[in-house]
Amino acid sequence: MPQHRHSKTPPKEAKLFRNNCSQAVRIPVEFDLPGEKVLISREGDRLVIEPVRKPGLSALLAQWAQEPPLGPEEDIPKIDDMPVKSEKLF
């Protein structure tokens, strides 16, 4: 059952280890996070790890509104719309 953002669970000890030059933590299964990326921040001596959420539809539409439009119509190749040939199916 996924935990809600503000629900409180008892702390559990986790293992720290080195992965090349980075320190890593093995997260127990009951603290699984969705996705493949997280945001990490520091609050005093605490580290806060939260999942990176996919942007919603409104964020996607806002991003598209900022992108430059397609080039002039002459940059888009003309495609002949050929009539469909009738075929005998039975």
PDB file of N, CA and C in Angstrom:
ATOM      1  N   MET A   1       0.846  -1.176   0.000  1.00  0.00           N
ATOM      2  CA  MET A   1       0.000   0.000   0.000  1.00  0.00           C
ATOM      3  C   MET A   1       0.890   1.238   0.000  1.00  0.00           C
ATOM      4  N   PRO A   2       0.738   2.173  -0.963  1.00  0.00           N
ATOM      5  CA  PRO A   2       1.597   3.331  -1.012  1.00  0.00           C
ATOM      6  C   PRO A   2       1.328   4.271   0.165  1.00  0.00           C
ATOM      7  N   GLN A   3       2.387   4.905   0.607  1.00  0.00           N
ATOM      8  CA  GLN A   3       2.267   5.860   1.696  1.00  0.00           C
ATOM      9  C   GLN A   3       1.825   7.202   1.144  1.00  0.00           C
ATOM     10  N   HIS A   4       0.990   7.924   1.895  1.00  0.00           N
ATOM     11  CA  HIS A   4       0.611   9.266   1.496  1.00  0.00           C
ATOM     12  C   HIS A   4       1.724  10.213   1.900  1.00  0.00           C
ATOM     13  N   ARG A   5       1.806  11.332   1.217  1.00  0.00           N
ATOM     14  CA  ARG A   5       2.903  12.269   1.391  1.00  0.00           C
ATOM     15  C   ARG A   5       3.137  12.659   2.847  1.00  0.00           C
ATOM     16  N   HIS A   6       2.073  12.866   3.614  1.00  0.00           N
ATOM     17  CA  HIS A   6       2.241  13.346   4.973  1.00  0.00           C
ATOM     18  C   HIS A   6       2.024  12.260   6.031  1.00  0.00           C
ATOM     19  N   SER A   7       1.893  11.013   5.630  1.00  0.00           N
ATOM     20  CA  SER A   7       1.706   9.972   6.631  1.00  0.00           C
ATOM     21  C   SER A   7       3.041   9.729   7.336  1.00  0.00           C
ATOM     22  N   LYS A   8       2.961   9.315   8.557  1.00  0.00           N
ATOM     23  CA  LYS A   8       4.159   9.105   9.371  1.00  0.00           C
ATOM     24  C   LYS A   8       4.384   7.612   9.532  1.00  0.00           C
ATOM     25  N   THR A   9       5.568   7.159   9.215  1.00  0.00           N
ATOM     26  CA  THR A   9       5.925   5.762   9.448  1.00  0.00           C
ATOM     27  C   THR A   9       7.086   5.745  10.428  1.00  0.00           C
ATOM     28  N   PRO A  10       7.201   4.698  11.208  1.00  0.00           N
ATOM     29  CA  PRO A  10       8.318   4.650  12.146  1.00  0.00           C
ATOM     30  C   PRO A  10       9.640   4.586  11.384  1.00  0.00           C
ATOM     31  N   PRO A  11      10.679   5.204  11.915  1.00  0.00           N
ATOM     32  CA  PRO A  11      11.976   5.160  11.236  1.00  0.00           C
ATOM     33  C   PRO A  11      12.510   3.730  11.195  1.00  0.00           C
ATOM     34  N   LYS A  12      13.292   3.464  10.172  1.00  0.00           N
ATOM     35  CA  LYS A  12      13.914   2.150  10.027  1.00  0.00           C
ATOM     36  C   LYS A  12      15.365   2.377   9.627  1.00  0.00           C
ATOM     37  N   GLU A  13      16.260   1.606  10.202  1.00  0.00           N
ATOM     38  CA  GLU A  13      17.670   1.740   9.877  1.00  0.00           C
ATOM     39  C   GLU A  13      17.924   1.228   8.462  1.00  0.00           C
ATOM     40  N   ALA A  14      18.772   1.945   7.705  1.00  0.00           N
ATOM     41  CA  ALA A  14      19.100   1.544   6.333  1.00  0.00           C
ATOM     42  C   ALA A  14      20.615   1.530   6.165  1.00  0.00           C
ATOM     43  N   LYS A  15      21.078   0.789   5.196  1.00  0.00           N
ATOM     44  CA  LYS A  15      22.509   0.597   4.951  1.00  0.00           C
ATOM     45  C   LYS A  15      23.044   1.667   4.005  1.00  0.00           C
ATOM     46  N   LEU A  16      24.165   2.296   4.370  1.00  0.00           N
ATOM     47  CA  LEU A  16      24.889   3.217   3.487  1.00  0.00           C
ATOM     48  C   LEU A  16      26.029   2.442   2.828  1.00  0.00           C
ATOM     49  N   PHE A  17      26.334   2.790   1.586  1.00  0.00           N
ATOM     50  CA  PHE A  17      27.463   2.169   0.897  1.00  0.00           C
ATOM     51  C   PHE A  17      28.016   3.133  -0.136  1.00  0.00           C
ATOM     52  N   ARG A  18      29.140   2.809  -0.693  1.00  0.00           N
ATOM     53  CA  ARG A  18      29.777   3.635  -1.731  1.00  0.00           C
ATOM     54  C   ARG A  18      29.501   3.035  -3.101  1.00  0.00           C
ATOM     55  N   ASN A  19      29.193   3.914  -4.051  1.00  0.00           N
ATOM     56  CA  ASN A  19      29.010   3.530  -5.441  1.00  0.00           C
ATOM     57  C   ASN A  19      29.913   4.469  -6.229  1.00  0.00           C
ATOM     58  N   ASN A  20      31.103   3.994  -6.582  1.00  0.00           N
ATOM     59  CA  ASN A  20      32.159   4.832  -7.161  1.00  0.00           C
ATOM     60  C   ASN A  20      32.461   5.968  -6.189  1.00  0.00           C
ATOM     61  N   CYS A  21      32.288   7.211  -6.589  1.00  0.00           N
ATOM     62  CA  CYS A  21      32.601   8.342  -5.710  1.00  0.00           C
ATOM     63  C   CYS A  21      31.382   8.862  -4.961  1.00  0.00           C
ATOM     64  N   SER A  22      30.235   8.233  -5.127  1.00  0.00           N
ATOM     65  CA  SER A  22      29.012   8.697  -4.487  1.00  0.00           C
ATOM     66  C   SER A  22      28.644   7.805  -3.311  1.00  0.00           C
ATOM     67  N   GLN A  23      28.014   8.421  -2.318  1.00  0.00           N
ATOM     68  CA  GLN A  23      27.454   7.641  -1.225  1.00  0.00           C
ATOM     69  C   GLN A  23      26.028   7.276  -1.614  1.00  0.00           C
ATOM     70  N   ALA A  24      25.606   6.070  -1.309  1.00  0.00           N
ATOM     71  CA  ALA A  24      24.261   5.605  -1.654  1.00  0.00           C
ATOM     72  C   ALA A  24      23.622   5.008  -0.415  1.00  0.00           C
ATOM     73  N   VAL A  25      22.307   4.919  -0.455  1.00  0.00           N
ATOM     74  CA  VAL A  25      21.559   4.316   0.645  1.00  0.00           C
ATOM     75  C   VAL A  25      20.633   3.251   0.078  1.00  0.00           C
ATOM     76  N   ARG A  26      20.580   2.124   0.740  1.00  0.00           N
ATOM     77  CA  ARG A  26      19.681   1.045   0.323  1.00  0.00           C
ATOM     78  C   ARG A  26      18.332   1.299   0.990  1.00  0.00           C
ATOM     79  N   ILE A  27      17.323   1.600   0.179  1.00  0.00           N
ATOM     80  CA  ILE A  27      16.011   1.976   0.710  1.00  0.00           C
ATOM     81  C   ILE A  27      15.170   0.718   0.942  1.00  0.00           C
ATOM     82  N   PRO A  28      14.680   0.526   2.163  1.00  0.00           N
ATOM     83  CA  PRO A  28      13.835  -0.649   2.435  1.00  0.00           C
ATOM     84  C   PRO A  28      12.575  -0.633   1.575  1.00  0.00           C
ATOM     85  N   VAL A  29      12.054  -1.801   1.275  1.00  0.00           N
ATOM     86  CA  VAL A  29      10.933  -1.958   0.357  1.00  0.00           C
ATOM     87  C   VAL A  29       9.699  -1.159   0.787  1.00  0.00           C
ATOM     88  N   GLU A  30       9.471  -1.030   2.078  1.00  0.00           N
ATOM     89  CA  GLU A  30       8.278  -0.300   2.516  1.00  0.00           C
ATOM     90  C   GLU A  30       8.373   1.205   2.261  1.00  0.00           C
ATOM     91  N   PHE A  31       9.558   1.673   1.851  1.00  0.00           N
ATOM     92  CA  PHE A  31       9.749   3.081   1.513  1.00  0.00           C
ATOM     93  C   PHE A  31       9.960   3.277   0.002  1.00  0.00           C
ATOM     94  N   ASP A  32       9.610   2.264  -0.788  1.00  0.00           N
ATOM     95  CA  ASP A  32       9.770   2.339  -2.250  1.00  0.00           C
ATOM     96  C   ASP A  32       9.186   3.640  -2.794  1.00  0.00           C
ATOM     97  N   LEU A  33       9.871   4.224  -3.767  1.00  0.00           N
ATOM     98  CA  LEU A  33       9.405   5.440  -4.426  1.00  0.00           C
ATOM     99  C   LEU A  33       9.079   5.117  -5.880  1.00  0.00           C
ATOM    100  N   PRO A  34       8.073   5.765  -6.453  1.00  0.00           N
ATOM    101  CA  PRO A  34       7.745   5.517  -7.858  1.00  0.00           C
ATOM    102  C   PRO A  34       8.755   6.214  -8.775  1.00  0.00           C
ATOM    103  N   GLY A  35       8.842   5.744  -9.996  1.00  0.00           N
ATOM    104  CA  GLY A  35       9.675   6.398 -11.004  1.00  0.00           C
ATOM    105  C   GLY A  35      11.121   5.972 -10.956  1.00  0.00           C
ATOM    106  N   GLU A  36      11.945   6.729 -11.699  1.00  0.00           N
ATOM    107  CA  GLU A  36      13.369   6.415 -11.818  1.00  0.00           C
ATOM    108  C   GLU A  36      14.265   7.516 -11.276  1.00  0.00           C
ATOM    109  N   LYS A  37      13.675   8.665 -10.912  1.00  0.00           N
ATOM    110  CA  LYS A  37      14.469   9.782 -10.410  1.00  0.00           C
ATOM    111  C   LYS A  37      13.842  10.332  -9.144  1.00  0.00           C
ATOM    112  N   VAL A  38      14.682  10.951  -8.301  1.00  0.00           N
ATOM    113  CA  VAL A  38      14.212  11.602  -7.089  1.00  0.00           C
ATOM    114  C   VAL A  38      14.840  12.982  -6.978  1.00  0.00           C
ATOM    115  N   LEU A  39      14.215  13.827  -6.171  1.00  0.00           N
ATOM    116  CA  LEU A  39      14.798  15.101  -5.773  1.00  0.00           C
ATOM    117  C   LEU A  39      15.301  14.912  -4.355  1.00  0.00           C
ATOM    118  N   ILE A  40      16.487  15.422  -4.076  1.00  0.00           N
ATOM    119  CA  ILE A  40      17.030  15.309  -2.732  1.00  0.00           C
ATOM    120  C   ILE A  40      17.369  16.704  -2.243  1.00  0.00           C
ATOM    121  N   SER A  41      17.009  17.001  -0.990  1.00  0.00           N
ATOM    122  CA  SER A  41      17.315  18.303  -0.404  1.00  0.00           C
ATOM    123  C   SER A  41      17.697  18.093   1.052  1.00  0.00           C
ATOM    124  N   ARG A  42      18.288  19.114   1.628  1.00  0.00           N
ATOM    125  CA  ARG A  42      18.710  19.044   3.016  1.00  0.00           C
ATOM    126  C   ARG A  42      17.877  20.013   3.841  1.00  0.00           C
ATOM    127  N   GLU A  43      17.382  19.550   4.972  1.00  0.00           N
ATOM    128  CA  GLU A  43      16.681  20.382   5.947  1.00  0.00           C
ATOM    129  C   GLU A  43      17.413  20.202   7.267  1.00  0.00           C
ATOM    130  N   GLY A  44      18.336  21.094   7.559  1.00  0.00           N
ATOM    131  CA  GLY A  44      19.179  20.934   8.748  1.00  0.00           C
ATOM    132  C   GLY A  44      20.054  19.710   8.576  1.00  0.00           C
ATOM    133  N   ASP A  45      19.965  18.766   9.522  1.00  0.00           N
ATOM    134  CA  ASP A  45      20.767  17.541   9.400  1.00  0.00           C
ATOM    135  C   ASP A  45      19.984  16.399   8.766  1.00  0.00           C
ATOM    136  N   ARG A  46      18.801  16.684   8.245  1.00  0.00           N
ATOM    137  CA  ARG A  46      17.976  15.668   7.580  1.00  0.00           C
ATOM    138  C   ARG A  46      18.100  15.772   6.071  1.00  0.00           C
ATOM    139  N   LEU A  47      18.047  14.634   5.402  1.00  0.00           N
ATOM    140  CA  LEU A  47      17.958  14.594   3.944  1.00  0.00           C
ATOM    141  C   LEU A  47      16.521  14.238   3.593  1.00  0.00           C
ATOM    142  N   VAL A  48      15.951  14.967   2.655  1.00  0.00           N
ATOM    143  CA  VAL A  48      14.586  14.711   2.205  1.00  0.00           C
ATOM    144  C   VAL A  48      14.670  14.195   0.778  1.00  0.00           C
ATOM    145  N   ILE A  49      14.089  13.029   0.534  1.00  0.00           N
ATOM    146  CA  ILE A  49      14.094  12.410  -0.795  1.00  0.00           C
ATOM    147  C   ILE A  49      12.647  12.310  -1.248  1.00  0.00           C
ATOM    148  N   GLU A  50      12.336  12.895  -2.416  1.00  0.00           N
ATOM    149  CA  GLU A  50      10.976  12.819  -2.954  1.00  0.00           C
ATOM    150  C   GLU A  50      11.018  12.439  -4.426  1.00  0.00           C
ATOM    151  N   PRO A  51      10.004  11.698  -4.880  1.00  0.00           N
ATOM    152  CA  PRO A  51       9.995  11.289  -6.286  1.00  0.00           C
ATOM    153  C   PRO A  51       9.814  12.481  -7.209  1.00  0.00           C
ATOM    154  N   VAL A  52      10.430  12.398  -8.379  1.00  0.00           N
ATOM    155  CA  VAL A  52      10.199  13.394  -9.428  1.00  0.00           C
ATOM    156  C   VAL A  52       8.910  12.979 -10.111  1.00  0.00           C
ATOM    157  N   ARG A  53       7.937  13.824 -10.036  1.00  0.00           N
ATOM    158  CA  ARG A  53       6.628  13.499 -10.610  1.00  0.00           C
ATOM    159  C   ARG A  53       6.584  13.935 -12.066  1.00  0.00           C
ATOM    160  N   LYS A  54       5.879  13.156 -12.875  1.00  0.00           N
ATOM    161  CA  LYS A  54       5.694  13.536 -14.276  1.00  0.00           C
ATOM    162  C   LYS A  54       4.806  14.766 -14.326  1.00  0.00           C
ATOM    163  N   PRO A  55       5.109  15.692 -15.223  1.00  0.00           N
ATOM    164  CA  PRO A  55       4.282  16.904 -15.284  1.00  0.00           C
ATOM    165  C   PRO A  55       2.860  16.564 -15.732  1.00  0.00           C
ATOM    166  N   GLY A  56       1.897  17.297 -15.201  1.00  0.00           N
ATOM    167  CA  GLY A  56       0.507  17.100 -15.570  1.00  0.00           C
ATOM    168  C   GLY A  56       0.227  17.713 -16.933  1.00  0.00           C
ATOM    169  N   LEU A  57      -0.994  17.596 -17.392  1.00  0.00           N
ATOM    170  CA  LEU A  57      -1.392  18.089 -18.700  1.00  0.00           C
ATOM    171  C   LEU A  57      -1.198  19.600 -18.816  1.00  0.00           C
ATOM    172  N   SER A  58      -1.548  20.353 -17.776  1.00  0.00           N
ATOM    173  CA  SER A  58      -1.411  21.816 -17.860  1.00  0.00           C
ATOM    174  C   SER A  58       0.060  22.221 -18.004  1.00  0.00           C
ATOM    175  N   ALA A  59       0.976  21.513 -17.327  1.00  0.00           N
ATOM    176  CA  ALA A  59       2.406  21.817 -17.466  1.00  0.00           C
ATOM    177  C   ALA A  59       2.892  21.478 -18.868  1.00  0.00           C
ATOM    178  N   LEU A  60       2.404  20.383 -19.421  1.00  0.00           N
ATOM    179  CA  LEU A  60       2.789  19.992 -20.775  1.00  0.00           C
ATOM    180  C   LEU A  60       2.291  21.008 -21.802  1.00  0.00           C
ATOM    181  N   LEU A  61       1.047  21.452 -21.653  1.00  0.00           N
ATOM    182  CA  LEU A  61       0.508  22.456 -22.573  1.00  0.00           C
ATOM    183  C   LEU A  61       1.273  23.776 -22.459  1.00  0.00           C
ATOM    184  N   ALA A  62       1.643  24.168 -21.252  1.00  0.00           N
ATOM    185  CA  ALA A  62       2.424  25.397 -21.059  1.00  0.00           C
ATOM    186  C   ALA A  62       3.793  25.273 -21.717  1.00  0.00           C
ATOM    187  N   GLN A  63       4.397  24.101 -21.618  1.00  0.00           N
ATOM    188  CA  GLN A  63       5.698  23.868 -22.259  1.00  0.00           C
ATOM    189  C   GLN A  63       5.565  23.972 -23.779  1.00  0.00           C
ATOM    190  N   TRP A  64       4.514  23.377 -24.332  1.00  0.00           N
ATOM    191  CA  TRP A  64       4.304  23.435 -25.775  1.00  0.00           C
ATOM    192  C   TRP A  64       4.070  24.872 -26.234  1.00  0.00           C
ATOM    193  N   ALA A  65       3.388  25.674 -25.410  1.00  0.00           N
ATOM    194  CA  ALA A  65       3.110  27.068 -25.775  1.00  0.00           C
ATOM    195  C   ALA A  65       4.400  27.873 -25.873  1.00  0.00           C
ATOM    196  N   GLN A  66       5.449  27.482 -25.146  1.00  0.00           N
ATOM    197  CA  GLN A  66       6.713  28.200 -25.164  1.00  0.00           C
ATOM    198  C   GLN A  66       7.617  27.776 -26.320  1.00  0.00           C
ATOM    199  N   GLU A  67       7.361  26.602 -26.899  1.00  0.00           N
ATOM    200  CA  GLU A  67       8.202  26.113 -27.989  1.00  0.00           C
ATOM    201  C   GLU A  67       7.889  26.875 -29.264  1.00  0.00           C
ATOM    202  N   PRO A  68       8.926  27.110 -30.089  1.00  0.00           N
ATOM    203  CA  PRO A  68       8.666  27.816 -31.342  1.00  0.00           C
ATOM    204  C   PRO A  68       7.772  26.977 -32.252  1.00  0.00           C
ATOM    205  N   PRO A  69       6.904  27.630 -33.024  1.00  0.00           N
ATOM    206  CA  PRO A  69       6.027  26.880 -33.929  1.00  0.00           C
ATOM    207  C   PRO A  69       6.831  26.274 -35.070  1.00  0.00           C
ATOM    208  N   LEU A  70       6.169  25.423 -35.825  1.00  0.00           N
ATOM    209  CA  LEU A  70       6.809  24.861 -37.011  1.00  0.00           C
ATOM    210  C   LEU A  70       7.164  25.983 -37.971  1.00  0.00           C
ATOM    211  N   GLY A  71       8.072  25.706 -38.873  1.00  0.00           N
ATOM    212  CA  GLY A  71       8.495  26.704 -39.851  1.00  0.00           C
ATOM    213  C   GLY A  71       7.376  27.058 -40.812  1.00  0.00           C
ATOM    214  N   PRO A  72       7.682  27.937 -41.771  1.00  0.00           N
ATOM    215  CA  PRO A  72       6.668  28.332 -42.764  1.00  0.00           C
ATOM    216  C   PRO A  72       6.152  27.106 -43.516  1.00  0.00           C
ATOM    217  N   GLU A  73       4.970  27.267 -44.110  1.00  0.00           N
ATOM    218  CA  GLU A  73       4.340  26.126 -44.796  1.00  0.00           C
ATOM    219  C   GLU A  73       5.226  25.531 -45.879  1.00  0.00           C
ATOM    220  N   GLU A  74       6.065  26.365 -46.519  1.00  0.00           N
ATOM    221  CA  GLU A  74       6.900  25.808 -47.586  1.00  0.00           C
ATOM    222  C   GLU A  74       7.939  24.828 -47.049  1.00  0.00           C
ATOM    223  N   ASP A  75       8.200  24.836 -45.733  1.00  0.00           N
ATOM    224  CA  ASP A  75       9.126  23.873 -45.138  1.00  0.00           C
ATOM    225  C   ASP A  75       8.483  22.500 -44.964  1.00  0.00           C
ATOM    226  N   ILE A  76       7.156  22.451 -45.016  1.00  0.00           N
ATOM    227  CA  ILE A  76       6.439  21.189 -44.836  1.00  0.00           C
ATOM    228  C   ILE A  76       6.162  20.605 -46.214  1.00  0.00           C
ATOM    229  N   PRO A  77       6.684  19.406 -46.498  1.00  0.00           N
ATOM    230  CA  PRO A  77       6.492  18.840 -47.838  1.00  0.00           C
ATOM    231  C   PRO A  77       5.023  18.554 -48.131  1.00  0.00           C
ATOM    232  N   LYS A  78       4.635  18.762 -49.388  1.00  0.00           N
ATOM    233  CA  LYS A  78       3.275  18.488 -49.841  1.00  0.00           C
ATOM    234  C   LYS A  78       3.155  16.990 -50.086  1.00  0.00           C
ATOM    235  N   ILE A  79       2.088  16.392 -49.571  1.00  0.00           N
ATOM    236  CA  ILE A  79       1.844  14.959 -49.759  1.00  0.00           C
ATOM    237  C   ILE A  79       0.566  14.820 -50.573  1.00  0.00           C
ATOM    238  N   ASP A  80       0.680  14.134 -51.715  1.00  0.00           N
ATOM    239  CA  ASP A  80      -0.496  13.914 -52.549  1.00  0.00           C
ATOM    240  C   ASP A  80      -1.449  12.963 -51.842  1.00  0.00           C
ATOM    241  N   ASP A  81      -2.707  13.353 -51.790  1.00  0.00           N
ATOM    242  CA  ASP A  81      -3.727  12.528 -51.165  1.00  0.00           C
ATOM    243  C   ASP A  81      -4.381  11.697 -52.262  1.00  0.00           C
ATOM    244  N   MET A  82      -3.890  10.478 -52.436  1.00  0.00           N
ATOM    245  CA  MET A  82      -4.350   9.602 -53.499  1.00  0.00           C
ATOM    246  C   MET A  82      -5.681   8.960 -53.092  1.00  0.00           C
ATOM    247  N   PRO A  83      -6.616   8.803 -54.059  1.00  0.00           N
ATOM    248  CA  PRO A  83      -7.887   8.142 -53.720  1.00  0.00           C
ATOM    249  C   PRO A  83      -7.663   6.684 -53.379  1.00  0.00           C
ATOM    250  N   VAL A  84      -8.502   6.159 -52.527  1.00  0.00           N
ATOM    251  CA  VAL A  84      -8.413   4.772 -52.126  1.00  0.00           C
ATOM    252  C   VAL A  84      -8.977   3.891 -53.230  1.00  0.00           C
ATOM    253  N   LYS A  85      -8.253   2.837 -53.572  1.00  0.00           N
ATOM    254  CA  LYS A  85      -8.732   1.893 -54.596  1.00  0.00           C
ATOM    255  C   LYS A  85      -9.738   0.948 -53.954  1.00  0.00           C
ATOM    256  N   SER A  86     -10.831   0.715 -54.640  1.00  0.00           N
ATOM    257  CA  SER A  86     -11.807  -0.234 -54.096  1.00  0.00           C
ATOM    258  C   SER A  86     -11.293  -1.639 -54.313  1.00  0.00           C
ATOM    259  N   GLU A  87     -11.526  -2.472 -53.353  1.00  0.00           N
ATOM    260  CA  GLU A  87     -11.086  -3.858 -53.418  1.00  0.00           C
ATOM    261  C   GLU A  87     -12.265  -4.781 -53.149  1.00  0.00           C
ATOM    262  N   LYS A  88     -12.275  -5.902 -53.851  1.00  0.00           N
ATOM    263  CA  LYS A  88     -13.305  -6.898 -53.621  1.00  0.00           C
ATOM    264  C   LYS A  88     -12.856  -7.782 -52.451  1.00  0.00           C
ATOM    265  N   LEU A  89     -13.612  -7.759 -51.363  1.00  0.00           N
ATOM    266  CA  LEU A  89     -13.227  -8.512 -50.177  1.00  0.00           C
ATOM    267  C   LEU A  89     -13.793  -9.923 -50.181  1.00  0.00           C
ATOM    268  N   PHE A  90     -14.996 -10.120 -50.736  1.00  0.00           N
ATOM    269  CA  PHE A  90     -15.601 -11.460 -50.740  1.00  0.00           C
ATOM    270  C   PHE A  90     -15.996 -11.844 -52.130  1.00  0.00           C
TER     271      PHE A  90
END
